[in-house]
Amino acid sequence: MKLATLMQTYVELHDLNNLEGIHHTDIEGVWFYRSSKGNARQPFVYQSGVIVLGQGHKNIYIGNQPVAYGPEDYLVVGVPMPLECEALAKDGEPLLGLSIDIDLQMLHRQVARLEKLGFRPSQSQQTDNLGLKSVSMDKGMLDTCIRVMSALCDPYESKILGDCLKEELVYRALQSAEGHVLFNLAGYDGHYARVARALEKVHEEYAENLTVQSLAEVANMSTSAFHHAFREVTLETPIQYIKKVRLNKAKELIQLEGKKVNDAARLVGYNSSSQFSREYKRHFNQTPKGLKLAS
């Protein structure tokens, strides 16, 4: 059975025909995604993990680098990435996909086992440190994703086999042409893993007074080396990255939690509501008050 067909079966079984967004499945850390019409290009933050598309197409823009993926493609996202995303529903059919969080303990365990067995990502794969890669599914990954969806359609299988299937999916991603993204994340002392620790601080403490120097200290790097490594991984400067995380979080607070604009600005670390409104409009091409009215 095709992956898209199983995803539509899941929609019918769980009465999700009106879902616009994500739905937490019975497997911990696995999210189902549906969008009937998609969306125009807009700012977004992709969290780290593996993202599988069964139906529809997406174009992602990271700086000046476009990344396209469609049915039976998947993304390997090593670190949270602020980007712009365009989602395209084809022939009146909704976009359908899965997002799988990667547990770092599981990742470290698998990488350690693979390294003990002598497996290494080939040098030709390690052309850059960018934290997001698109991969076309091979037969192994496609079979795994089909079995994940089959399990999600059965309440017993999802509870009993869910964790094992997640482990297998991470293994397939590690073995893929872009598996080095996850290998780099699991390396304790590499630049990629050090930047990832700094990014974790940004996402936990975005409302605090974060400086490049303080983030470099978390990464245990000099400020100049950290700045260079940060741009390699995210294609952003640390200050640009922090700003985008704050603005995207503010949008969530306004749109999903109904916060007032001034309160949202304060909660994400802005002392000046006028500066917040200017930067918000520049980023989203819409004022925060306009978002409030639209929602």
Foldseek 3Di string as FASTA:
>chain_A
DALVVLQVLLCVLVVPPVPAAWDDFLQPQKIKHKHQAWAAKAKDKDAAFKKAWQAWKKWKQFPNDIDIDGHQKMKGALHIATTIMTTGHPPRGMIIIMTGDDDLVLLLVVLVVCVVVVDDQDPVLPPFQARMDMGHDDPQLRVLSSVQSVQRSPVVSCVPVVVVSSSSNLVSCCVGSNNVSSVQCNDCQDLNVLLRQLSVCLLVPLQDDDDLCVSCVSSVHHSVVNQVSNCRHHVDGPVVVSLSSLLNQLLCCCQVVVDDQVVSCNVRHHPDSVVSQVVNCVRGVDGSVRSNVVD
